[in-house]
Amino acid sequence: MPQLSLHSPVGDISISEDDGAIVALDWGWGRDQSPTPLLRKALKQLNAYFDGKLTAFNLPLRPFGTDFQQSVWRQMLAIPYGRVRTYGQLATKLKSGARSVGTACGRNPIPIIIPCHRVVGAQGLGGHSGDGGLATKAGLLTLENAEIVI
């Protein structure tokens, strides 16, 4: 599976593609670097995002997950740049529970691009599965000048 890495404000990250779509974003530097056209486009967009010049990604995505996880990830993609929603708000839309939504957020295979960092708890930030945990989530929200009003 082709992969390409970059240094970012939240640490080294690697992005992977499969059959013409982005399938993963992982923390750390990938062993094998394959600069495909799609991965170069993804890195260009990620760099623009980290520079504060991009508010919406335009990439083909194919995250692998259950139907429920897919529905949560679609809801996350609908959260505008610089805004947040609570786990409970997404759960209400999906007729589910906040913990189930939180679990799906934690299993998001393409963080940052599918913005799980924009989903917060009713009493604060909640959790974050990325490298650096809540510090990474807070850093991404700060980058977006997100106003956390719960």
N, C-alpha and C. Protein backbone atom coordinates (compact mmCIF):
# COMPACT_ATOMS: atom_id res chain seq x y z
N MET A 1 0.84 -1.17 0.00
CA MET A 1 0.00 0.00 0.00
C MET A 1 0.89 1.24 0.00
N PRO A 2 0.76 2.12 -0.98
CA PRO A 2 1.58 3.33 -1.03
C PRO A 2 1.35 4.22 0.20
N GLN A 3 2.44 4.81 0.67
CA GLN A 3 2.40 5.64 1.86
C GLN A 3 3.40 6.78 1.70
N LEU A 4 3.06 7.92 2.30
CA LEU A 4 3.94 9.08 2.27
C LEU A 4 3.84 9.79 3.62
N SER A 5 4.94 10.31 4.12
CA SER A 5 4.99 10.90 5.45
C SER A 5 5.36 12.38 5.39
N LEU A 6 5.02 13.09 6.47
CA LEU A 6 5.40 14.49 6.60
C LEU A 6 5.58 14.85 8.06
N HIS A 7 6.38 15.89 8.28
CA HIS A 7 6.52 16.47 9.62
C HIS A 7 5.38 17.47 9.77
N SER A 8 4.68 17.43 10.90
CA SER A 8 3.56 18.34 11.13
C SER A 8 3.65 18.92 12.54
N PRO A 9 2.86 19.94 12.83
CA PRO A 9 2.86 20.50 14.19
C PRO A 9 2.39 19.50 15.26
N VAL A 10 1.74 18.41 14.85
CA VAL A 10 1.28 17.40 15.82
C VAL A 10 2.14 16.14 15.73
N GLY A 11 3.31 16.27 15.16
CA GLY A 11 4.23 15.14 15.05
C GLY A 11 4.28 14.60 13.63
N ASP A 12 5.14 13.62 13.43
CA ASP A 12 5.23 12.99 12.12
C ASP A 12 3.95 12.21 11.84
N ILE A 13 3.46 12.33 10.63
CA ILE A 13 2.27 11.58 10.23
C ILE A 13 2.51 10.94 8.86
N SER A 14 1.87 9.80 8.66
CA SER A 14 1.96 9.09 7.39
C SER A 14 0.56 8.87 6.86
N ILE A 15 0.41 9.07 5.57
CA ILE A 15 -0.88 8.89 4.93
C ILE A 15 -0.76 7.75 3.93
N SER A 16 -1.79 6.91 3.87
CA SER A 16 -1.77 5.73 3.00
C SER A 16 -2.94 5.76 2.03
N GLU A 17 -2.69 5.21 0.85
CA GLU A 17 -3.76 5.11 -0.15
C GLU A 17 -3.88 3.67 -0.61
N ASP A 18 -5.06 3.35 -1.08
CA ASP A 18 -5.32 2.04 -1.66
C ASP A 18 -6.31 2.23 -2.79
N ASP A 19 -5.96 1.79 -3.97
CA ASP A 19 -6.84 1.82 -5.12
C ASP A 19 -7.47 3.20 -5.35
N GLY A 20 -6.62 4.24 -5.30
CA GLY A 20 -7.06 5.59 -5.65
C GLY A 20 -7.81 6.35 -4.57
N ALA A 21 -7.74 5.91 -3.31
CA ALA A 21 -8.41 6.62 -2.23
C ALA A 21 -7.54 6.60 -0.98
N ILE A 22 -7.66 7.62 -0.16
CA ILE A 22 -6.96 7.68 1.12
C ILE A 22 -7.67 6.71 2.08
N VAL A 23 -6.89 5.83 2.72
CA VAL A 23 -7.48 4.85 3.63
C VAL A 23 -6.98 4.98 5.07
N ALA A 24 -5.88 5.71 5.29
CA ALA A 24 -5.36 5.83 6.65
C ALA A 24 -4.46 7.04 6.80
N LEU A 25 -4.47 7.58 8.00
CA LEU A 25 -3.51 8.59 8.43
C LEU A 25 -3.04 8.13 9.80
N ASP A 26 -1.75 7.87 9.92
CA ASP A 26 -1.18 7.34 11.15
C ASP A 26 -0.08 8.25 11.66
N TRP A 27 0.11 8.24 12.98
CA TRP A 27 1.21 8.98 13.57
C TRP A 27 2.49 8.17 13.42
N GLY A 28 3.56 8.86 13.10
CA GLY A 28 4.85 8.22 12.90
C GLY A 28 5.29 8.32 11.45
N TRP A 29 6.56 8.00 11.23
CA TRP A 29 7.15 8.08 9.89
C TRP A 29 7.09 6.70 9.25
N GLY A 30 6.46 6.60 8.08
CA GLY A 30 6.36 5.33 7.38
C GLY A 30 7.71 4.84 6.89
N ARG A 31 7.88 3.54 6.89
CA ARG A 31 9.15 2.95 6.47
C ARG A 31 9.39 3.14 4.98
N ASP A 32 8.39 2.83 4.18
CA ASP A 32 8.52 2.95 2.72
C ASP A 32 7.75 4.17 2.24
N GLN A 33 8.40 5.02 1.47
CA GLN A 33 7.79 6.24 0.96
C GLN A 33 7.50 6.07 -0.53
N SER A 34 6.22 6.24 -0.89
CA SER A 34 5.78 6.10 -2.29
C SER A 34 5.01 7.34 -2.69
N PRO A 35 5.67 8.32 -3.29
CA PRO A 35 5.01 9.59 -3.62
C PRO A 35 4.10 9.49 -4.85
N THR A 36 2.94 8.87 -4.68
CA THR A 36 1.97 8.80 -5.77
C THR A 36 1.34 10.18 -5.97
N PRO A 37 0.70 10.43 -7.10
CA PRO A 37 0.03 11.72 -7.29
C PRO A 37 -1.00 12.02 -6.20
N LEU A 38 -1.79 11.04 -5.79
CA LEU A 38 -2.79 11.27 -4.75
C LEU A 38 -2.13 11.58 -3.41
N LEU A 39 -1.09 10.86 -3.06
CA LEU A 39 -0.43 11.13 -1.79
C LEU A 39 0.26 12.49 -1.79
N ARG A 40 0.82 12.89 -2.92
CA ARG A 40 1.41 14.24 -3.02
C ARG A 40 0.32 15.29 -2.84
N LYS A 41 -0.85 15.07 -3.44
CA LYS A 41 -1.98 15.99 -3.29
C LYS A 41 -2.42 16.05 -1.82
N ALA A 42 -2.48 14.90 -1.17
CA ALA A 42 -2.88 14.85 0.24
C ALA A 42 -1.87 15.61 1.11
N LEU A 43 -0.57 15.41 0.88
CA LEU A 43 0.43 16.12 1.66
C LEU A 43 0.36 17.62 1.43
N LYS A 44 0.13 18.01 0.19
CA LYS A 44 -0.01 19.44 -0.11
C LYS A 44 -1.19 20.02 0.67
N GLN A 45 -2.32 19.30 0.70
CA GLN A 45 -3.49 19.79 1.43
C GLN A 45 -3.24 19.80 2.94
N LEU A 46 -2.58 18.76 3.46
CA LEU A 46 -2.28 18.73 4.89
C LEU A 46 -1.36 19.89 5.27
N ASN A 47 -0.33 20.15 4.46
CA ASN A 47 0.55 21.29 4.75
C ASN A 47 -0.22 22.60 4.72
N ALA A 48 -1.12 22.78 3.76
CA ALA A 48 -1.94 23.99 3.70
C ALA A 48 -2.85 24.09 4.93
N TYR A 49 -3.40 22.97 5.36
CA TYR A 49 -4.23 22.96 6.57
C TYR A 49 -3.40 23.41 7.77
N PHE A 50 -2.22 22.82 7.95
CA PHE A 50 -1.38 23.18 9.09
C PHE A 50 -0.87 24.61 9.01
N ASP A 51 -0.80 25.17 7.80
CA ASP A 51 -0.40 26.57 7.62
C ASP A 51 -1.59 27.52 7.78
N GLY A 52 -2.78 26.99 8.04
CA GLY A 52 -3.98 27.81 8.22
C GLY A 52 -4.57 28.32 6.92
N LYS A 53 -4.21 27.67 5.80
CA LYS A 53 -4.68 28.14 4.49
C LYS A 53 -5.73 27.22 3.86
N LEU A 54 -6.08 26.13 4.53
CA LEU A 54 -7.06 25.18 3.99
C LEU A 54 -8.05 24.84 5.09
N THR A 55 -9.33 24.98 4.78
CA THR A 55 -10.36 24.69 5.78
C THR A 55 -11.19 23.46 5.43
N ALA A 56 -11.03 22.94 4.24
CA ALA A 56 -11.77 21.72 3.84
C ALA A 56 -10.89 20.92 2.89
N PHE A 57 -10.76 19.63 3.20
CA PHE A 57 -9.98 18.74 2.34
C PHE A 57 -10.82 18.29 1.16
N ASN A 58 -10.15 18.09 0.03
CA ASN A 58 -10.82 17.60 -1.17
C ASN A 58 -10.03 16.39 -1.67
N LEU A 59 -10.31 15.25 -1.03
CA LEU A 59 -9.58 14.02 -1.33
C LEU A 59 -10.56 12.85 -1.36
N PRO A 60 -10.33 11.87 -2.22
CA PRO A 60 -11.17 10.67 -2.17
C PRO A 60 -10.79 9.85 -0.93
N LEU A 61 -11.79 9.53 -0.13
CA LEU A 61 -11.57 8.80 1.12
C LEU A 61 -12.28 7.46 1.08
N ARG A 62 -11.63 6.46 1.64
CA ARG A 62 -12.27 5.15 1.78
C ARG A 62 -11.85 4.54 3.12
N PRO A 63 -12.42 5.07 4.22
CA PRO A 63 -12.08 4.50 5.52
C PRO A 63 -12.79 3.15 5.69
N PHE A 64 -12.08 2.17 6.22
CA PHE A 64 -12.66 0.86 6.45
C PHE A 64 -13.27 0.84 7.84
N GLY A 65 -14.54 0.42 7.94
CA GLY A 65 -15.21 0.34 9.22
C GLY A 65 -16.62 -0.19 9.06
N THR A 66 -17.29 -0.37 10.18
CA THR A 66 -18.67 -0.87 10.17
C THR A 66 -19.60 0.19 9.60
N ASP A 67 -20.82 -0.21 9.31
CA ASP A 67 -21.81 0.76 8.81
C ASP A 67 -22.02 1.89 9.82
N PHE A 68 -22.09 1.53 11.11
CA PHE A 68 -22.27 2.56 12.13
C PHE A 68 -21.08 3.51 12.16
N GLN A 69 -19.87 2.96 12.15
CA GLN A 69 -18.68 3.81 12.15
C GLN A 69 -18.69 4.74 10.94
N GLN A 70 -19.05 4.20 9.79
CA GLN A 70 -19.12 5.02 8.57
C GLN A 70 -20.11 6.18 8.76
N SER A 71 -21.24 5.92 9.41
CA SER A 71 -22.24 6.98 9.61
C SER A 71 -21.69 8.06 10.56
N VAL A 72 -20.96 7.65 11.58
CA VAL A 72 -20.34 8.63 12.49
C VAL A 72 -19.31 9.45 11.74
N TRP A 73 -18.48 8.80 10.94
CA TRP A 73 -17.45 9.52 10.20
C TRP A 73 -18.06 10.50 9.20
N ARG A 74 -19.19 10.14 8.60
CA ARG A 74 -19.87 11.08 7.69
C ARG A 74 -20.35 12.31 8.47
N GLN A 75 -20.86 12.10 9.67
CA GLN A 75 -21.29 13.22 10.50
C GLN A 75 -20.10 14.12 10.86
N MET A 76 -18.95 13.51 11.14
CA MET A 76 -17.77 14.31 11.47
C MET A 76 -17.33 15.15 10.27
N LEU A 77 -17.42 14.58 9.08
CA LEU A 77 -17.04 15.33 7.88
C LEU A 77 -17.93 16.55 7.66
N ALA A 78 -19.13 16.52 8.22
CA ALA A 78 -20.06 17.64 8.05
C ALA A 78 -19.83 18.76 9.06
N ILE A 79 -18.96 18.56 10.04
CA ILE A 79 -18.68 19.60 11.03
C ILE A 79 -17.75 20.63 10.39
N PRO A 80 -18.18 21.88 10.34
CA PRO A 80 -17.35 22.91 9.68
C PRO A 80 -16.03 23.16 10.42
N TYR A 81 -15.06 23.58 9.67
CA TYR A 81 -13.75 24.00 10.20
C TYR A 81 -13.98 25.01 11.32
N GLY A 82 -13.26 24.82 12.42
CA GLY A 82 -13.34 25.77 13.52
C GLY A 82 -14.56 25.62 14.41
N ARG A 83 -15.37 24.61 14.17
CA ARG A 83 -16.57 24.37 14.98
C ARG A 83 -16.45 23.02 15.67
N VAL A 84 -17.23 22.80 16.69
CA VAL A 84 -17.25 21.51 17.37
C VAL A 84 -18.69 21.05 17.55
N ARG A 85 -18.83 19.76 17.73
CA ARG A 85 -20.09 19.13 18.11
C ARG A 85 -19.76 18.19 19.26
N THR A 86 -20.76 17.89 20.08
CA THR A 86 -20.52 16.94 21.17
C THR A 86 -20.85 15.53 20.70
N TYR A 87 -20.30 14.58 21.44
CA TYR A 87 -20.63 13.18 21.17
C TYR A 87 -22.14 13.00 21.25
N GLY A 88 -22.76 13.65 22.22
CA GLY A 88 -24.21 13.55 22.39
C GLY A 88 -24.98 14.12 21.22
N GLN A 89 -24.52 15.23 20.67
CA GLN A 89 -25.20 15.81 19.50
C GLN A 89 -25.16 14.85 18.32
N LEU A 90 -24.01 14.24 18.08
CA LEU A 90 -23.93 13.27 16.98
C LEU A 90 -24.78 12.05 17.29
N ALA A 91 -24.78 11.62 18.54
CA ALA A 91 -25.58 10.45 18.93
C ALA A 91 -27.06 10.71 18.69
N THR A 92 -27.53 11.90 19.00
CA THR A 92 -28.93 12.24 18.78
C THR A 92 -29.27 12.16 17.29
N LYS A 93 -28.41 12.69 16.45
CA LYS A 93 -28.64 12.63 15.00
C LYS A 93 -28.68 11.20 14.49
N LEU A 94 -27.86 10.34 15.10
CA LEU A 94 -27.74 8.96 14.64
C LEU A 94 -28.64 7.99 15.41
N LYS A 95 -29.41 8.55 16.38
CA LYS A 95 -30.28 7.71 17.22
C LYS A 95 -29.46 6.61 17.89
N SER A 96 -28.39 7.05 18.53
CA SER A 96 -27.44 6.14 19.15
C SER A 96 -27.05 6.70 20.51
N GLY A 97 -26.04 6.12 21.11
CA GLY A 97 -25.53 6.61 22.38
C GLY A 97 -24.22 7.35 22.20
N ALA A 98 -23.95 8.26 23.12
CA ALA A 98 -22.72 9.06 23.05
C ALA A 98 -21.47 8.18 23.15
N ARG A 99 -21.52 7.11 23.96
CA ARG A 99 -20.34 6.25 24.08
C ARG A 99 -20.06 5.51 22.78
N SER A 100 -21.12 5.09 22.09
CA SER A 100 -20.93 4.42 20.80
C SER A 100 -20.30 5.37 19.79
N VAL A 101 -20.74 6.62 19.82
CA VAL A 101 -20.15 7.63 18.93
C VAL A 101 -18.69 7.84 19.30
N GLY A 102 -18.39 7.92 20.60
CA GLY A 102 -17.01 8.09 21.04
C GLY A 102 -16.12 6.94 20.60
N THR A 103 -16.65 5.73 20.67
CA THR A 103 -15.88 4.56 20.23
C THR A 103 -15.59 4.64 18.74
N ALA A 104 -16.59 5.05 17.95
CA ALA A 104 -16.40 5.19 16.50
C ALA A 104 -15.39 6.30 16.21
N CYS A 105 -15.44 7.39 16.97
CA CYS A 105 -14.45 8.46 16.79
C CYS A 105 -13.05 7.92 17.04
N GLY A 106 -12.90 7.11 18.08
CA GLY A 106 -11.59 6.57 18.42
C GLY A 106 -11.06 5.59 17.40
N ARG A 107 -11.94 5.05 16.58
CA ARG A 107 -11.52 4.09 15.55
C ARG A 107 -11.40 4.73 14.16
N ASN A 108 -11.51 6.04 14.11
CA ASN A 108 -11.39 6.77 12.85
C ASN A 108 -10.00 6.52 12.24
N PRO A 109 -9.94 5.89 11.06
CA PRO A 109 -8.63 5.58 10.49
C PRO A 109 -7.97 6.75 9.75
N ILE A 110 -8.71 7.86 9.57
CA ILE A 110 -8.15 8.99 8.83
C ILE A 110 -8.35 10.28 9.65
N PRO A 111 -7.75 10.32 10.87
CA PRO A 111 -7.92 11.53 11.68
C PRO A 111 -7.36 12.76 10.96
N ILE A 112 -7.76 13.90 11.43
CA ILE A 112 -7.46 15.22 10.89
C ILE A 112 -8.29 15.44 9.63
N ILE A 113 -8.16 14.59 8.63
CA ILE A 113 -8.95 14.75 7.40
C ILE A 113 -10.42 14.44 7.69
N ILE A 114 -10.69 13.34 8.39
CA ILE A 114 -12.02 13.10 8.97
C ILE A 114 -11.87 13.63 10.40
N PRO A 115 -12.41 14.82 10.67
CA PRO A 115 -12.02 15.60 11.84
C PRO A 115 -12.63 15.14 13.18
N CYS A 116 -12.16 14.01 13.69
CA CYS A 116 -12.62 13.53 14.99
C CYS A 116 -12.26 14.50 16.11
N HIS A 117 -11.24 15.34 15.89
CA HIS A 117 -10.86 16.33 16.90
C HIS A 117 -11.96 17.37 17.11
N ARG A 118 -12.91 17.48 16.19
CA ARG A 118 -14.00 18.45 16.32
C ARG A 118 -15.18 17.90 17.13
N VAL A 119 -15.04 16.69 17.64
CA VAL A 119 -16.08 16.10 18.47
C VAL A 119 -15.58 16.11 19.91
N VAL A 120 -16.34 16.77 20.79
CA VAL A 120 -15.93 16.96 22.17
C VAL A 120 -16.98 16.41 23.12
N GLY A 121 -16.58 16.28 24.37
CA GLY A 121 -17.50 15.81 25.40
C GLY A 121 -18.40 16.93 25.90
N ALA A 122 -19.45 16.57 26.58
CA ALA A 122 -20.37 17.56 27.13
C ALA A 122 -19.70 18.39 28.23
N GLN A 123 -18.68 17.84 28.87
CA GLN A 123 -18.01 18.52 29.97
C GLN A 123 -16.58 18.96 29.61
N GLY A 124 -16.20 18.84 28.36
CA GLY A 124 -14.83 19.22 27.98
C GLY A 124 -14.40 18.53 26.71
N LEU A 125 -13.11 18.38 26.54
CA LEU A 125 -12.58 17.87 25.28
C LEU A 125 -12.96 16.42 24.99
N GLY A 126 -13.14 15.61 26.01
CA GLY A 126 -13.40 14.19 25.76
C GLY A 126 -12.08 13.47 25.60
N GLY A 127 -11.95 12.65 24.57
CA GLY A 127 -10.72 11.90 24.36
C GLY A 127 -10.18 12.13 22.96
N HIS A 128 -9.00 11.55 22.71
CA HIS A 128 -8.41 11.61 21.38
C HIS A 128 -7.44 10.45 21.25
N SER A 129 -7.58 9.69 20.18
CA SER A 129 -6.77 8.49 20.00
C SER A 129 -5.44 8.75 19.30
N GLY A 130 -5.24 9.96 18.82
CA GLY A 130 -4.00 10.27 18.12
C GLY A 130 -2.81 10.37 19.06
N ASP A 131 -1.63 10.33 18.49
CA ASP A 131 -0.40 10.49 19.26
C ASP A 131 -0.46 11.82 19.99
N GLY A 132 -0.19 11.80 21.27
CA GLY A 132 -0.26 13.03 22.06
C GLY A 132 -1.60 13.21 22.74
N GLY A 133 -2.58 12.38 22.41
CA GLY A 133 -3.88 12.40 23.08
C GLY A 133 -4.55 13.76 23.05
N LEU A 134 -4.99 14.21 24.23
CA LEU A 134 -5.74 15.46 24.32
C LEU A 134 -4.92 16.68 23.92
N ALA A 135 -3.61 16.63 24.10
CA ALA A 135 -2.77 17.76 23.68
C ALA A 135 -2.84 17.93 22.16
N THR A 136 -2.88 16.82 21.44
CA THR A 136 -3.00 16.88 19.98
C THR A 136 -4.37 17.43 19.59
N LYS A 137 -5.42 16.93 20.25
CA LYS A 137 -6.78 17.41 19.96
C LYS A 137 -6.88 18.91 20.23
N ALA A 138 -6.37 19.34 21.37
CA ALA A 138 -6.41 20.77 21.71
C ALA A 138 -5.59 21.58 20.70
N GLY A 139 -4.45 21.05 20.28
CA GLY A 139 -3.63 21.76 19.30
C GLY A 139 -4.34 21.93 17.96
N LEU A 140 -5.03 20.89 17.52
CA LEU A 140 -5.77 20.99 16.25
C LEU A 140 -6.93 21.99 16.37
N LEU A 141 -7.62 21.98 17.50
CA LEU A 141 -8.72 22.93 17.70
C LEU A 141 -8.20 24.35 17.81
N THR A 142 -7.04 24.53 18.43
CA THR A 142 -6.42 25.85 18.51
C THR A 142 -6.01 26.32 17.12
N LEU A 143 -5.43 25.43 16.33
CA LEU A 143 -5.05 25.75 14.95
C LEU A 143 -6.25 26.28 14.17
N GLU A 144 -7.42 25.70 14.41
CA GLU A 144 -8.64 26.10 13.72
C GLU A 144 -9.35 27.27 14.39
N ASN A 145 -8.77 27.80 15.47
CA ASN A 145 -9.42 28.86 16.25
C ASN A 145 -10.83 28.46 16.65
N ALA A 146 -10.98 27.20 17.02
CA ALA A 146 -12.31 26.67 17.37
C ALA A 146 -12.76 27.24 18.71
N GLU A 147 -13.98 27.65 18.73
CA GLU A 147 -14.58 28.12 19.98
C GLU A 147 -15.35 26.95 20.57
N ILE A 148 -14.89 26.49 21.71
CA ILE A 148 -15.53 25.33 22.33
C ILE A 148 -16.61 25.85 23.28
N VAL A 149 -17.82 25.88 22.77
CA VAL A 149 -18.98 26.28 23.56
C VAL A 149 -19.87 25.07 23.70
N ILE A 150 -20.02 24.63 24.93
CA ILE A 150 -20.80 23.42 25.17
C ILE A 150 -22.05 23.76 25.95
